[in-house]
Amino acid sequence: MPEHKMVTIGGIRVRLEDEARYRARTGQAAGAPPVPLTRAQAHLPGGKQGAGDGPFDPSAHDLPAVNAYLAEADEAETARVLDAEADGKGRKTLVDRRDEYLEEARKRAAGGTGGGA
């Protein structure tokens, strides 16, 4: 099976040979900040939402969007989001993996890679 080199553009993995076509389709120039492809992606990582949007609300997002947010959140924010999830939708996929998400946040804070939830 051939091995493809990959490049990550705005959190999306794209084969190197498809990079130019992907950038043209999304209007994302090399080195430019990522352009959200969906409404959920527009309110993602690190609480970088627009002014007045308030804190990240997991019930307002689908599971992939919450996972993407948690992949970059610090330990305190991860705990807050998971508490909000438990009190709101209570999706088993998130609630049952609380310890894993918190451990990954600790690893990122300590300089490890974390991520992968």
PDB file of N, CA and C in Angstrom:
ATOM      1  N   MET A   1       0.850  -1.185   0.000  1.00  0.00           N
ATOM      2  CA  MET A   1       0.000   0.000   0.000  1.00  0.00           C
ATOM      3  C   MET A   1       0.891   1.242   0.000  1.00  0.00           C
ATOM      4  N   PRO A   2       0.638   2.194  -0.879  1.00  0.00           N
ATOM      5  CA  PRO A   2       1.506   3.370  -0.942  1.00  0.00           C
ATOM      6  C   PRO A   2       1.372   4.223   0.321  1.00  0.00           C
ATOM      7  N   GLU A   3       2.471   4.836   0.688  1.00  0.00           N
ATOM      8  CA  GLU A   3       2.469   5.716   1.848  1.00  0.00           C
ATOM      9  C   GLU A   3       2.362   7.153   1.351  1.00  0.00           C
ATOM     10  N   HIS A   4       1.378   7.884   1.870  1.00  0.00           N
ATOM     11  CA  HIS A   4       1.164   9.256   1.440  1.00  0.00           C
ATOM     12  C   HIS A   4       1.685  10.217   2.486  1.00  0.00           C
ATOM     13  N   LYS A   5       2.362  11.235   2.054  1.00  0.00           N
ATOM     14  CA  LYS A   5       2.780  12.297   2.956  1.00  0.00           C
ATOM     15  C   LYS A   5       1.571  13.184   3.178  1.00  0.00           C
ATOM     16  N   MET A   6       1.391  13.625   4.416  1.00  0.00           N
ATOM     17  CA  MET A   6       0.219  14.410   4.782  1.00  0.00           C
ATOM     18  C   MET A   6       0.651  15.781   5.293  1.00  0.00           C
ATOM     19  N   VAL A   7      -0.233  16.738   5.124  1.00  0.00           N
ATOM     20  CA  VAL A   7      -0.052  18.076   5.659  1.00  0.00           C
ATOM     21  C   VAL A   7      -1.344  18.414   6.409  1.00  0.00           C
ATOM     22  N   THR A   8      -1.221  19.119   7.526  1.00  0.00           N
ATOM     23  CA  THR A   8      -2.401  19.506   8.291  1.00  0.00           C
ATOM     24  C   THR A   8      -2.702  20.967   8.007  1.00  0.00           C
ATOM     25  N   ILE A   9      -3.922  21.232   7.569  1.00  0.00           N
ATOM     26  CA  ILE A   9      -4.359  22.591   7.238  1.00  0.00           C
ATOM     27  C   ILE A   9      -5.595  22.880   8.067  1.00  0.00           C
ATOM     28  N   GLY A  10      -5.469  23.790   9.011  1.00  0.00           N
ATOM     29  CA  GLY A  10      -6.612  24.150   9.845  1.00  0.00           C
ATOM     30  C   GLY A  10      -7.208  22.964  10.579  1.00  0.00           C
ATOM     31  N   GLY A  11      -6.350  22.021  11.006  1.00  0.00           N
ATOM     32  CA  GLY A  11      -6.820  20.864  11.738  1.00  0.00           C
ATOM     33  C   GLY A  11      -7.303  19.715  10.863  1.00  0.00           C
ATOM     34  N   ILE A  12      -7.252  19.864   9.550  1.00  0.00           N
ATOM     35  CA  ILE A  12      -7.681  18.836   8.619  1.00  0.00           C
ATOM     36  C   ILE A  12      -6.446  18.241   7.947  1.00  0.00           C
ATOM     37  N   ARG A  13      -6.321  16.903   7.984  1.00  0.00           N
ATOM     38  CA  ARG A  13      -5.195  16.246   7.314  1.00  0.00           C
ATOM     39  C   ARG A  13      -5.515  16.077   5.839  1.00  0.00           C
ATOM     40  N   VAL A  14      -4.580  16.520   5.005  1.00  0.00           N
ATOM     41  CA  VAL A  14      -4.752  16.491   3.552  1.00  0.00           C
ATOM     42  C   VAL A  14      -3.490  15.877   2.956  1.00  0.00           C
ATOM     43  N   ARG A  15      -3.667  15.016   1.941  1.00  0.00           N
ATOM     44  CA  ARG A  15      -2.494  14.466   1.267  1.00  0.00           C
ATOM     45  C   ARG A  15      -1.732  15.606   0.609  1.00  0.00           C
ATOM     46  N   LEU A  16      -0.412  15.494   0.633  1.00  0.00           N
ATOM     47  CA  LEU A  16       0.449  16.535   0.099  1.00  0.00           C
ATOM     48  C   LEU A  16       0.113  16.865  -1.349  1.00  0.00           C
ATOM     49  N   GLU A  17      -0.181  15.841  -2.146  1.00  0.00           N
ATOM     50  CA  GLU A  17      -0.502  16.087  -3.554  1.00  0.00           C
ATOM     51  C   GLU A  17      -1.855  16.776  -3.746  1.00  0.00           C
ATOM     52  N   ASP A  18      -2.705  16.791  -2.699  1.00  0.00           N
ATOM     53  CA  ASP A  18      -4.010  17.446  -2.779  1.00  0.00           C
ATOM     54  C   ASP A  18      -4.036  18.820  -2.105  1.00  0.00           C
ATOM     55  N   GLU A  19      -2.887  19.248  -1.584  1.00  0.00           N
ATOM     56  CA  GLU A  19      -2.833  20.497  -0.818  1.00  0.00           C
ATOM     57  C   GLU A  19      -3.310  21.706  -1.624  1.00  0.00           C
ATOM     58  N   ALA A  20      -2.806  21.882  -2.831  1.00  0.00           N
ATOM     59  CA  ALA A  20      -3.173  23.052  -3.639  1.00  0.00           C
ATOM     60  C   ALA A  20      -4.671  23.070  -3.934  1.00  0.00           C
ATOM     61  N   ARG A  21      -5.212  21.906  -4.280  1.00  0.00           N
ATOM     62  CA  ARG A  21      -6.650  21.826  -4.576  1.00  0.00           C
ATOM     63  C   ARG A  21      -7.478  22.122  -3.318  1.00  0.00           C
ATOM     64  N   TYR A  22      -7.052  21.612  -2.159  1.00  0.00           N
ATOM     65  CA  TYR A  22      -7.765  21.860  -0.906  1.00  0.00           C
ATOM     66  C   TYR A  22      -7.744  23.353  -0.554  1.00  0.00           C
ATOM     67  N   ARG A  23      -6.560  23.959  -0.673  1.00  0.00           N
ATOM     68  CA  ARG A  23      -6.443  25.391  -0.356  1.00  0.00           C
ATOM     69  C   ARG A  23      -7.309  26.229  -1.299  1.00  0.00           C
ATOM     70  N   ALA A  24      -7.355  25.847  -2.567  1.00  0.00           N
ATOM     71  CA  ALA A  24      -8.181  26.588  -3.527  1.00  0.00           C
ATOM     72  C   ALA A  24      -9.665  26.440  -3.190  1.00  0.00           C
ATOM     73  N   ARG A  25     -10.067  25.244  -2.804  1.00  0.00           N
ATOM     74  CA  ARG A  25     -11.482  24.986  -2.487  1.00  0.00           C
ATOM     75  C   ARG A  25     -11.915  25.728  -1.229  1.00  0.00           C
ATOM     76  N   THR A  26     -11.024  25.804  -0.233  1.00  0.00           N
ATOM     77  CA  THR A  26     -11.393  26.442   1.033  1.00  0.00           C
ATOM     78  C   THR A  26     -11.019  27.916   1.081  1.00  0.00           C
ATOM     79  N   GLY A  27     -10.268  28.397   0.097  1.00  0.00           N
ATOM     80  CA  GLY A  27      -9.852  29.795   0.095  1.00  0.00           C
ATOM     81  C   GLY A  27      -8.817  30.074   1.164  1.00  0.00           C
ATOM     82  N   GLN A  28      -8.047  29.063   1.505  1.00  0.00           N
ATOM     83  CA  GLN A  28      -7.073  29.177   2.585  1.00  0.00           C
ATOM     84  C   GLN A  28      -5.663  29.214   2.024  1.00  0.00           C
ATOM     85  N   ALA A  29      -5.068  30.378   2.000  1.00  0.00           N
ATOM     86  CA  ALA A  29      -3.713  30.529   1.485  1.00  0.00           C
ATOM     87  C   ALA A  29      -2.712  29.954   2.478  1.00  0.00           C
ATOM     88  N   ALA A  30      -1.559  29.538   1.969  1.00  0.00           N
ATOM     89  CA  ALA A  30      -0.513  28.998   2.839  1.00  0.00           C
ATOM     90  C   ALA A  30      -0.106  30.058   3.854  1.00  0.00           C
ATOM     91  N   GLY A  31      -0.019  29.675   5.110  1.00  0.00           N
ATOM     92  CA  GLY A  31       0.375  30.588   6.174  1.00  0.00           C
ATOM     93  C   GLY A  31      -0.762  31.438   6.716  1.00  0.00           C
ATOM     94  N   ALA A  32      -1.939  31.382   6.087  1.00  0.00           N
ATOM     95  CA  ALA A  32      -3.090  32.167   6.559  1.00  0.00           C
ATOM     96  C   ALA A  32      -3.759  31.445   7.716  1.00  0.00           C
ATOM     97  N   PRO A  33      -4.452  32.191   8.585  1.00  0.00           N
ATOM     98  CA  PRO A  33      -5.169  31.521   9.668  1.00  0.00           C
ATOM     99  C   PRO A  33      -6.259  30.626   9.094  1.00  0.00           C
ATOM    100  N   PRO A  34      -6.592  29.537   9.786  1.00  0.00           N
ATOM    101  CA  PRO A  34      -7.576  28.601   9.263  1.00  0.00           C
ATOM    102  C   PRO A  34      -8.943  29.237   9.049  1.00  0.00           C
ATOM    103  N   VAL A  35      -9.585  28.825   7.984  1.00  0.00           N
ATOM    104  CA  VAL A  35     -10.938  29.267   7.670  1.00  0.00           C
ATOM    105  C   VAL A  35     -11.882  28.157   8.116  1.00  0.00           C
ATOM    106  N   PRO A  36     -12.869  28.449   8.970  1.00  0.00           N
ATOM    107  CA  PRO A  36     -13.773  27.379   9.403  1.00  0.00           C
ATOM    108  C   PRO A  36     -14.600  26.854   8.238  1.00  0.00           C
ATOM    109  N   LEU A  37     -14.692  25.520   8.139  1.00  0.00           N
ATOM    110  CA  LEU A  37     -15.456  24.904   7.073  1.00  0.00           C
ATOM    111  C   LEU A  37     -16.913  24.693   7.471  1.00  0.00           C
ATOM    112  N   THR A  38     -17.176  24.655   8.777  1.00  0.00           N
ATOM    113  CA  THR A  38     -18.534  24.452   9.269  1.00  0.00           C
ATOM    114  C   THR A  38     -18.822  25.453  10.373  1.00  0.00           C
ATOM    115  N   ARG A  39     -20.085  25.592  10.722  1.00  0.00           N
ATOM    116  CA  ARG A  39     -20.465  26.495  11.800  1.00  0.00           C
ATOM    117  C   ARG A  39     -19.843  26.036  13.118  1.00  0.00           C
ATOM    118  N   ALA A  40     -19.774  24.726  13.360  1.00  0.00           N
ATOM    119  CA  ALA A  40     -19.188  24.206  14.596  1.00  0.00           C
ATOM    120  C   ALA A  40     -17.708  24.560  14.680  1.00  0.00           C
ATOM    121  N   GLN A  41     -16.991  24.485  13.567  1.00  0.00           N
ATOM    122  CA  GLN A  41     -15.573  24.807  13.581  1.00  0.00           C
ATOM    123  C   GLN A  41     -15.334  26.292  13.812  1.00  0.00           C
ATOM    124  N   ALA A  42     -16.298  27.116  13.573  1.00  0.00           N
ATOM    125  CA  ALA A  42     -16.136  28.550  13.767  1.00  0.00           C
ATOM    126  C   ALA A  42     -16.046  28.910  15.247  1.00  0.00           C
ATOM    127  N   HIS A  43     -16.448  27.998  16.132  1.00  0.00           N
ATOM    128  CA  HIS A  43     -16.431  28.256  17.572  1.00  0.00           C
ATOM    129  C   HIS A  43     -15.506  27.299  18.292  1.00  0.00           C
ATOM    130  N   LEU A  44     -14.357  27.023  17.688  1.00  0.00           N
ATOM    131  CA  LEU A  44     -13.464  26.050  18.274  1.00  0.00           C
ATOM    132  C   LEU A  44     -12.214  26.615  18.895  1.00  0.00           C
ATOM    133  N   PRO A  45     -11.259  25.772  19.101  1.00  0.00           N
ATOM    134  CA  PRO A  45     -10.216  25.689  20.091  1.00  0.00           C
ATOM    135  C   PRO A  45      -9.828  26.926  20.880  1.00  0.00           C
ATOM    136  N   GLY A  46      -9.537  26.624  22.141  1.00  0.00           N
ATOM    137  CA  GLY A  46      -8.972  27.598  23.057  1.00  0.00           C
ATOM    138  C   GLY A  46      -9.874  28.752  23.410  1.00  0.00           C
ATOM    139  N   GLY A  47     -11.168  28.609  23.280  1.00  0.00           N
ATOM    140  CA  GLY A  47     -12.085  29.678  23.647  1.00  0.00           C
ATOM    141  C   GLY A  47     -11.944  30.888  22.748  1.00  0.00           C
ATOM    142  N   LYS A  48     -11.518  30.715  21.517  1.00  0.00           N
ATOM    143  CA  LYS A  48     -11.289  31.832  20.601  1.00  0.00           C
ATOM    144  C   LYS A  48     -12.582  32.236  19.888  1.00  0.00           C
ATOM    145  N   GLN A  49     -13.670  32.211  20.626  1.00  0.00           N
ATOM    146  CA  GLN A  49     -14.943  32.602  20.039  1.00  0.00           C
ATOM    147  C   GLN A  49     -15.017  34.122  19.992  1.00  0.00           C
ATOM    148  N   GLY A  50     -15.943  34.614  19.201  1.00  0.00           N
ATOM    149  CA  GLY A  50     -16.098  36.057  19.097  1.00  0.00           C
ATOM    150  C   GLY A  50     -16.551  36.667  20.413  1.00  0.00           C
ATOM    151  N   ALA A  51     -16.354  37.948  20.572  1.00  0.00           N
ATOM    152  CA  ALA A  51     -16.741  38.628  21.798  1.00  0.00           C
ATOM    153  C   ALA A  51     -18.237  38.473  22.033  1.00  0.00           C
ATOM    154  N   GLY A  52     -18.611  38.201  23.272  1.00  0.00           N
ATOM    155  CA  GLY A  52     -20.012  38.078  23.617  1.00  0.00           C
ATOM    156  C   GLY A  52     -20.560  36.675  23.461  1.00  0.00           C
ATOM    157  N   ASP A  53     -19.763  35.760  22.902  1.00  0.00           N
ATOM    158  CA  ASP A  53     -20.234  34.391  22.735  1.00  0.00           C
ATOM    159  C   ASP A  53     -20.227  33.618  24.051  1.00  0.00           C
ATOM    160  N   GLY A  54     -19.477  34.082  25.046  1.00  0.00           N
ATOM    161  CA  GLY A  54     -19.407  33.405  26.323  1.00  0.00           C
ATOM    162  C   GLY A  54     -18.538  32.164  26.256  1.00  0.00           C
ATOM    163  N   PRO A  55     -18.520  31.411  27.343  1.00  0.00           N
ATOM    164  CA  PRO A  55     -17.683  30.209  27.378  1.00  0.00           C
ATOM    165  C   PRO A  55     -18.217  29.120  26.449  1.00  0.00           C
ATOM    166  N   PHE A  56     -17.337  28.214  26.077  1.00  0.00           N
ATOM    167  CA  PHE A  56     -17.699  27.113  25.187  1.00  0.00           C
ATOM    168  C   PHE A  56     -18.791  26.281  25.841  1.00  0.00           C
ATOM    169  N   ASP A  57     -19.873  26.039  25.104  1.00  0.00           N
ATOM    170  CA  ASP A  57     -21.001  25.243  25.589  1.00  0.00           C
ATOM    171  C   ASP A  57     -21.048  23.950  24.787  1.00  0.00           C
ATOM    172  N   PRO A  58     -20.691  22.805  25.409  1.00  0.00           N
ATOM    173  CA  PRO A  58     -20.658  21.562  24.643  1.00  0.00           C
ATOM    174  C   PRO A  58     -22.015  21.135  24.091  1.00  0.00           C
ATOM    175  N   SER A  59     -23.097  21.537  24.747  1.00  0.00           N
ATOM    176  CA  SER A  59     -24.423  21.139  24.260  1.00  0.00           C
ATOM    177  C   SER A  59     -24.787  21.828  22.946  1.00  0.00           C
ATOM    178  N   ALA A  60     -24.071  22.892  22.604  1.00  0.00           N
ATOM    179  CA  ALA A  60     -24.339  23.621  21.368  1.00  0.00           C
ATOM    180  C   ALA A  60     -23.533  23.065  20.190  1.00  0.00           C
ATOM    181  N   HIS A  61     -22.731  22.033  20.446  1.00  0.00           N
ATOM    182  CA  HIS A  61     -21.832  21.498  19.421  1.00  0.00           C
ATOM    183  C   HIS A  61     -21.991  19.991  19.303  1.00  0.00           C
ATOM    184  N   ASP A  62     -21.632  19.466  18.115  1.00  0.00           N
ATOM    185  CA  ASP A  62     -21.652  18.019  17.936  1.00  0.00           C
ATOM    186  C   ASP A  62     -20.390  17.423  18.558  1.00  0.00           C
ATOM    187  N   LEU A  63     -20.367  16.104  18.647  1.00  0.00           N
ATOM    188  CA  LEU A  63     -19.271  15.413  19.314  1.00  0.00           C
ATOM    189  C   LEU A  63     -17.893  15.711  18.709  1.00  0.00           C
ATOM    190  N   PRO A  64     -17.727  15.712  17.370  1.00  0.00           N
ATOM    191  CA  PRO A  64     -16.405  16.039  16.817  1.00  0.00           C
ATOM    192  C   PRO A  64     -15.940  17.457  17.193  1.00  0.00           C
ATOM    193  N   ALA A  65     -16.851  18.397  17.263  1.00  0.00           N
ATOM    194  CA  ALA A  65     -16.483  19.764  17.627  1.00  0.00           C
ATOM    195  C   ALA A  65     -16.039  19.836  19.089  1.00  0.00           C
ATOM    196  N   VAL A  66     -16.729  19.118  19.968  1.00  0.00           N
ATOM    197  CA  VAL A  66     -16.343  19.102  21.382  1.00  0.00           C
ATOM    198  C   VAL A  66     -14.984  18.426  21.531  1.00  0.00           C
ATOM    199  N   ASN A  67     -14.770  17.321  20.828  1.00  0.00           N
ATOM    200  CA  ASN A  67     -13.469  16.647  20.876  1.00  0.00           C
ATOM    201  C   ASN A  67     -12.352  17.567  20.396  1.00  0.00           C
ATOM    202  N   ALA A  68     -12.589  18.291  19.327  1.00  0.00           N
ATOM    203  CA  ALA A  68     -11.576  19.215  18.804  1.00  0.00           C
ATOM    204  C   ALA A  68     -11.273  20.316  19.807  1.00  0.00           C
ATOM    205  N   TYR A  69     -12.298  20.820  20.470  1.00  0.00           N
ATOM    206  CA  TYR A  69     -12.106  21.861  21.480  1.00  0.00           C
ATOM    207  C   TYR A  69     -11.289  21.317  22.649  1.00  0.00           C
ATOM    208  N   LEU A  70     -11.659  20.122  23.127  1.00  0.00           N
ATOM    209  CA  LEU A  70     -10.962  19.524  24.266  1.00  0.00           C
ATOM    210  C   LEU A  70      -9.523  19.159  23.926  1.00  0.00           C
ATOM    211  N   ALA A  71      -9.227  18.936  22.656  1.00  0.00           N
ATOM    212  CA  ALA A  71      -7.866  18.595  22.244  1.00  0.00           C
ATOM    213  C   ALA A  71      -6.891  19.741  22.463  1.00  0.00           C
ATOM    214  N   GLU A  72      -7.400  20.963  22.667  1.00  0.00           N
ATOM    215  CA  GLU A  72      -6.531  22.116  22.873  1.00  0.00           C
ATOM    216  C   GLU A  72      -6.781  22.842  24.191  1.00  0.00           C
ATOM    217  N   ALA A  73      -7.801  22.420  24.934  1.00  0.00           N
ATOM    218  CA  ALA A  73      -8.153  23.098  26.183  1.00  0.00           C
ATOM    219  C   ALA A  73      -7.201  22.708  27.312  1.00  0.00           C
ATOM    220  N   ASP A  74      -7.008  23.633  28.272  1.00  0.00           N
ATOM    221  CA  ASP A  74      -6.195  23.301  29.436  1.00  0.00           C
ATOM    222  C   ASP A  74      -7.017  22.450  30.404  1.00  0.00           C
ATOM    223  N   GLU A  75      -6.389  22.018  31.500  1.00  0.00           N
ATOM    224  CA  GLU A  75      -7.050  21.090  32.414  1.00  0.00           C
ATOM    225  C   GLU A  75      -8.304  21.687  33.054  1.00  0.00           C
ATOM    226  N   ALA A  76      -8.232  22.945  33.484  1.00  0.00           N
ATOM    227  CA  ALA A  76      -9.384  23.578  34.128  1.00  0.00           C
ATOM    228  C   ALA A  76     -10.551  23.723  33.142  1.00  0.00           C
ATOM    229  N   GLU A  77     -10.247  24.130  31.920  1.00  0.00           N
ATOM    230  CA  GLU A  77     -11.298  24.286  30.908  1.00  0.00           C
ATOM    231  C   GLU A  77     -11.876  22.926  30.524  1.00  0.00           C
ATOM    232  N   THR A  78     -11.020  21.913  30.433  1.00  0.00           N
ATOM    233  CA  THR A  78     -11.496  20.563  30.129  1.00  0.00           C
ATOM    234  C   THR A  78     -12.470  20.095  31.196  1.00  0.00           C
ATOM    235  N   ALA A  79     -12.113  20.298  32.461  1.00  0.00           N
ATOM    236  CA  ALA A  79     -12.993  19.903  33.565  1.00  0.00           C
ATOM    237  C   ALA A  79     -14.316  20.661  33.503  1.00  0.00           C
ATOM    238  N   ARG A  80     -14.262  21.975  33.202  1.00  0.00           N
ATOM    239  CA  ARG A  80     -15.482  22.780  33.134  1.00  0.00           C
ATOM    240  C   ARG A  80     -16.398  22.295  32.017  1.00  0.00           C
ATOM    241  N   VAL A  81     -15.811  22.032  30.843  1.00  0.00           N
ATOM    242  CA  VAL A  81     -16.605  21.573  29.696  1.00  0.00           C
ATOM    243  C   VAL A  81     -17.219  20.199  29.986  1.00  0.00           C
ATOM    244  N   LEU A  82     -16.439  19.305  30.579  1.00  0.00           N
ATOM    245  CA  LEU A  82     -16.966  17.972  30.884  1.00  0.00           C
ATOM    246  C   LEU A  82     -18.049  18.021  31.963  1.00  0.00           C
ATOM    247  N   ASP A  83     -17.906  18.936  32.922  1.00  0.00           N
ATOM    248  CA  ASP A  83     -18.969  19.126  33.925  1.00  0.00           C
ATOM    249  C   ASP A  83     -20.245  19.624  33.245  1.00  0.00           C
ATOM    250  N   ALA A  84     -20.090  20.591  32.339  1.00  0.00           N
ATOM    251  CA  ALA A  84     -21.250  21.122  31.616  1.00  0.00           C
ATOM    252  C   ALA A  84     -21.899  20.022  30.774  1.00  0.00           C
ATOM    253  N   GLU A  85     -21.083  19.168  30.193  1.00  0.00           N
ATOM    254  CA  GLU A  85     -21.613  18.054  29.405  1.00  0.00           C
ATOM    255  C   GLU A  85     -22.390  17.084  30.288  1.00  0.00           C
ATOM    256  N   ALA A  86     -21.844  16.773  31.455  1.00  0.00           N
ATOM    257  CA  ALA A  86     -22.516  15.849  32.377  1.00  0.00           C
ATOM    258  C   ALA A  86     -23.850  16.419  32.846  1.00  0.00           C
ATOM    259  N   ASP A  87     -23.894  17.735  33.062  1.00  0.00           N
ATOM    260  CA  ASP A  87     -25.129  18.390  33.511  1.00  0.00           C
ATOM    261  C   ASP A  87     -26.112  18.626  32.366  1.00  0.00           C
ATOM    262  N   GLY A  88     -25.613  18.613  31.138  1.00  0.00           N
ATOM    263  CA  GLY A  88     -26.465  18.877  29.970  1.00  0.00           C
ATOM    264  C   GLY A  88     -26.824  17.603  29.244  1.00  0.00           C
ATOM    265  N   LYS A  89     -26.260  17.442  28.052  1.00  0.00           N
ATOM    266  CA  LYS A  89     -26.583  16.291  27.212  1.00  0.00           C
ATOM    267  C   LYS A  89     -26.122  14.971  27.818  1.00  0.00           C
ATOM    268  N   GLY A  90     -25.019  14.993  28.547  1.00  0.00           N
ATOM    269  CA  GLY A  90     -24.510  13.791  29.193  1.00  0.00           C
ATOM    270  C   GLY A  90     -24.132  12.685  28.224  1.00  0.00           C
ATOM    271  N   ARG A  91     -23.524  13.057  27.095  1.00  0.00           N
ATOM    272  CA  ARG A  91     -23.137  12.039  26.112  1.00  0.00           C
ATOM    273  C   ARG A  91     -22.115  11.086  26.726  1.00  0.00           C
ATOM    274  N   LYS A  92     -22.471   9.814  26.689  1.00  0.00           N
ATOM    275  CA  LYS A  92     -21.666   8.757  27.295  1.00  0.00           C
ATOM    276  C   LYS A  92     -20.227   8.774  26.779  1.00  0.00           C
ATOM    277  N   THR A  93     -20.050   9.037  25.501  1.00  0.00           N
ATOM    278  CA  THR A  93     -18.723   9.067  24.888  1.00  0.00           C
ATOM    279  C   THR A  93     -17.806  10.073  25.576  1.00  0.00           C
ATOM    280  N   LEU A  94     -18.343  11.187  26.019  1.00  0.00           N
ATOM    281  CA  LEU A  94     -17.544  12.206  26.694  1.00  0.00           C
ATOM    282  C   LEU A  94     -17.462  11.958  28.192  1.00  0.00           C
ATOM    283  N   VAL A  95     -18.591  11.706  28.817  1.00  0.00           N
ATOM    284  CA  VAL A  95     -18.653  11.585  30.277  1.00  0.00           C
ATOM    285  C   VAL A  95     -17.832  10.393  30.774  1.00  0.00           C
ATOM    286  N   ASP A  96     -17.920   9.262  30.097  1.00  0.00           N
ATOM    287  CA  ASP A  96     -17.208   8.064  30.537  1.00  0.00           C
ATOM    288  C   ASP A  96     -15.696   8.163  30.360  1.00  0.00           C
ATOM    289  N   ARG A  97     -15.235   9.100  29.535  1.00  0.00           N
ATOM    290  CA  ARG A  97     -13.791   9.250  29.275  1.00  0.00           C
ATOM    291  C   ARG A  97     -13.207  10.485  29.963  1.00  0.00           C
ATOM    292  N   ARG A  98     -13.881  10.982  30.976  1.00  0.00           N
ATOM    293  CA  ARG A  98     -13.453  12.188  31.684  1.00  0.00           C
ATOM    294  C   ARG A  98     -11.981  12.103  32.110  1.00  0.00           C
ATOM    295  N   ASP A  99     -11.595  10.997  32.767  1.00  0.00           N
ATOM    296  CA  ASP A  99     -10.220  10.866  33.251  1.00  0.00           C
ATOM    297  C   ASP A  99      -9.205  10.914  32.112  1.00  0.00           C
ATOM    298  N   GLU A 100      -9.544  10.315  30.974  1.00  0.00           N
ATOM    299  CA  GLU A 100      -8.641  10.342  29.818  1.00  0.00           C
ATOM    300  C   GLU A 100      -8.449  11.768  29.300  1.00  0.00           C
ATOM    301  N   TYR A 101      -9.553  12.497  29.164  1.00  0.00           N
ATOM    302  CA  TYR A 101      -9.464  13.887  28.682  1.00  0.00           C
ATOM    303  C   TYR A 101      -8.622  14.742  29.635  1.00  0.00           C
ATOM    304  N   LEU A 102      -8.838  14.570  30.942  1.00  0.00           N
ATOM    305  CA  LEU A 102      -8.079  15.359  31.920  1.00  0.00           C
ATOM    306  C   LEU A 102      -6.601  14.983  31.903  1.00  0.00           C
ATOM    307  N   GLU A 103      -6.293  13.703  31.759  1.00  0.00           N
ATOM    308  CA  GLU A 103      -4.897  13.267  31.692  1.00  0.00           C
ATOM    309  C   GLU A 103      -4.206  13.849  30.452  1.00  0.00           C
ATOM    310  N   GLU A 104      -4.896  13.866  29.328  1.00  0.00           N
ATOM    311  CA  GLU A 104      -4.316  14.445  28.116  1.00  0.00           C
ATOM    312  C   GLU A 104      -4.068  15.942  28.284  1.00  0.00           C
ATOM    313  N   ALA A 105      -4.966  16.643  28.971  1.00  0.00           N
ATOM    314  CA  ALA A 105      -4.777  18.075  29.220  1.00  0.00           C
ATOM    315  C   ALA A 105      -3.556  18.286  30.119  1.00  0.00           C
ATOM    316  N   ARG A 106      -3.370  17.417  31.109  1.00  0.00           N
ATOM    317  CA  ARG A 106      -2.191  17.519  31.991  1.00  0.00           C
ATOM    318  C   ARG A 106      -0.910  17.302  31.194  1.00  0.00           C
ATOM    319  N   LYS A 107      -0.926  16.326  30.292  1.00  0.00           N
ATOM    320  CA  LYS A 107       0.257  16.052  29.467  1.00  0.00           C
ATOM    321  C   LYS A 107       0.591  17.240  28.583  1.00  0.00           C
ATOM    322  N   ARG A 108      -0.426  17.866  27.996  1.00  0.00           N
ATOM    323  CA  ARG A 108      -0.164  19.046  27.149  1.00  0.00           C
ATOM    324  C   ARG A 108       0.442  20.164  27.984  1.00  0.00           C
ATOM    325  N   ALA A 109      -0.078  20.362  29.197  1.00  0.00           N
ATOM    326  CA  ALA A 109       0.426  21.422  30.069  1.00  0.00           C
ATOM    327  C   ALA A 109       1.875  21.168  30.479  1.00  0.00           C
ATOM    328  N   ALA A 110       2.228  19.875  30.591  1.00  0.00           N
ATOM    329  CA  ALA A 110       3.587  19.504  30.986  1.00  0.00           C
ATOM    330  C   ALA A 110       4.545  19.464  29.791  1.00  0.00           C
ATOM    331  N   GLY A 111       4.028  19.796  28.620  1.00  0.00           N
ATOM    332  CA  GLY A 111       4.882  19.820  27.418  1.00  0.00           C
ATOM    333  C   GLY A 111       4.821  18.557  26.598  1.00  0.00           C
ATOM    334  N   GLY A 112       3.936  17.622  26.968  1.00  0.00           N
ATOM    335  CA  GLY A 112       3.762  16.403  26.187  1.00  0.00           C
ATOM    336  C   GLY A 112       2.851  16.696  25.009  1.00  0.00           C
ATOM    337  N   THR A 113       2.600  15.678  24.215  1.00  0.00           N
ATOM    338  CA  THR A 113       1.759  15.879  23.044  1.00  0.00           C
ATOM    339  C   THR A 113       0.285  15.860  23.392  1.00  0.00           C
ATOM    340  N   GLY A 114      -0.129  15.034  24.385  1.00  0.00           N
ATOM    341  CA  GLY A 114      -1.560  14.934  24.700  1.00  0.00           C
ATOM    342  C   GLY A 114      -2.309  14.580  23.432  1.00  0.00           C
ATOM    343  N   GLY A 115      -3.535  15.065  23.280  1.00  0.00           N
ATOM    344  CA  GLY A 115      -4.323  14.828  22.081  1.00  0.00           C
ATOM    345  C   GLY A 115      -4.534  13.368  21.790  1.00  0.00           C
ATOM    346  N   GLY A 116      -5.512  13.062  21.014  1.00  0.00           N
ATOM    347  CA  GLY A 116      -5.777  11.694  20.629  1.00  0.00           C
ATOM    348  C   GLY A 116      -7.044  11.134  21.226  1.00  0.00           C
ATOM    349  N   ALA A 117      -7.811  11.960  21.947  1.00  0.00           N
ATOM    350  CA  ALA A 117      -9.029  11.465  22.584  1.00  0.00           C
ATOM    351  C   ALA A 117     -10.072  11.160  21.562  1.00  0.00           C
TER     352      ALA A 117
END
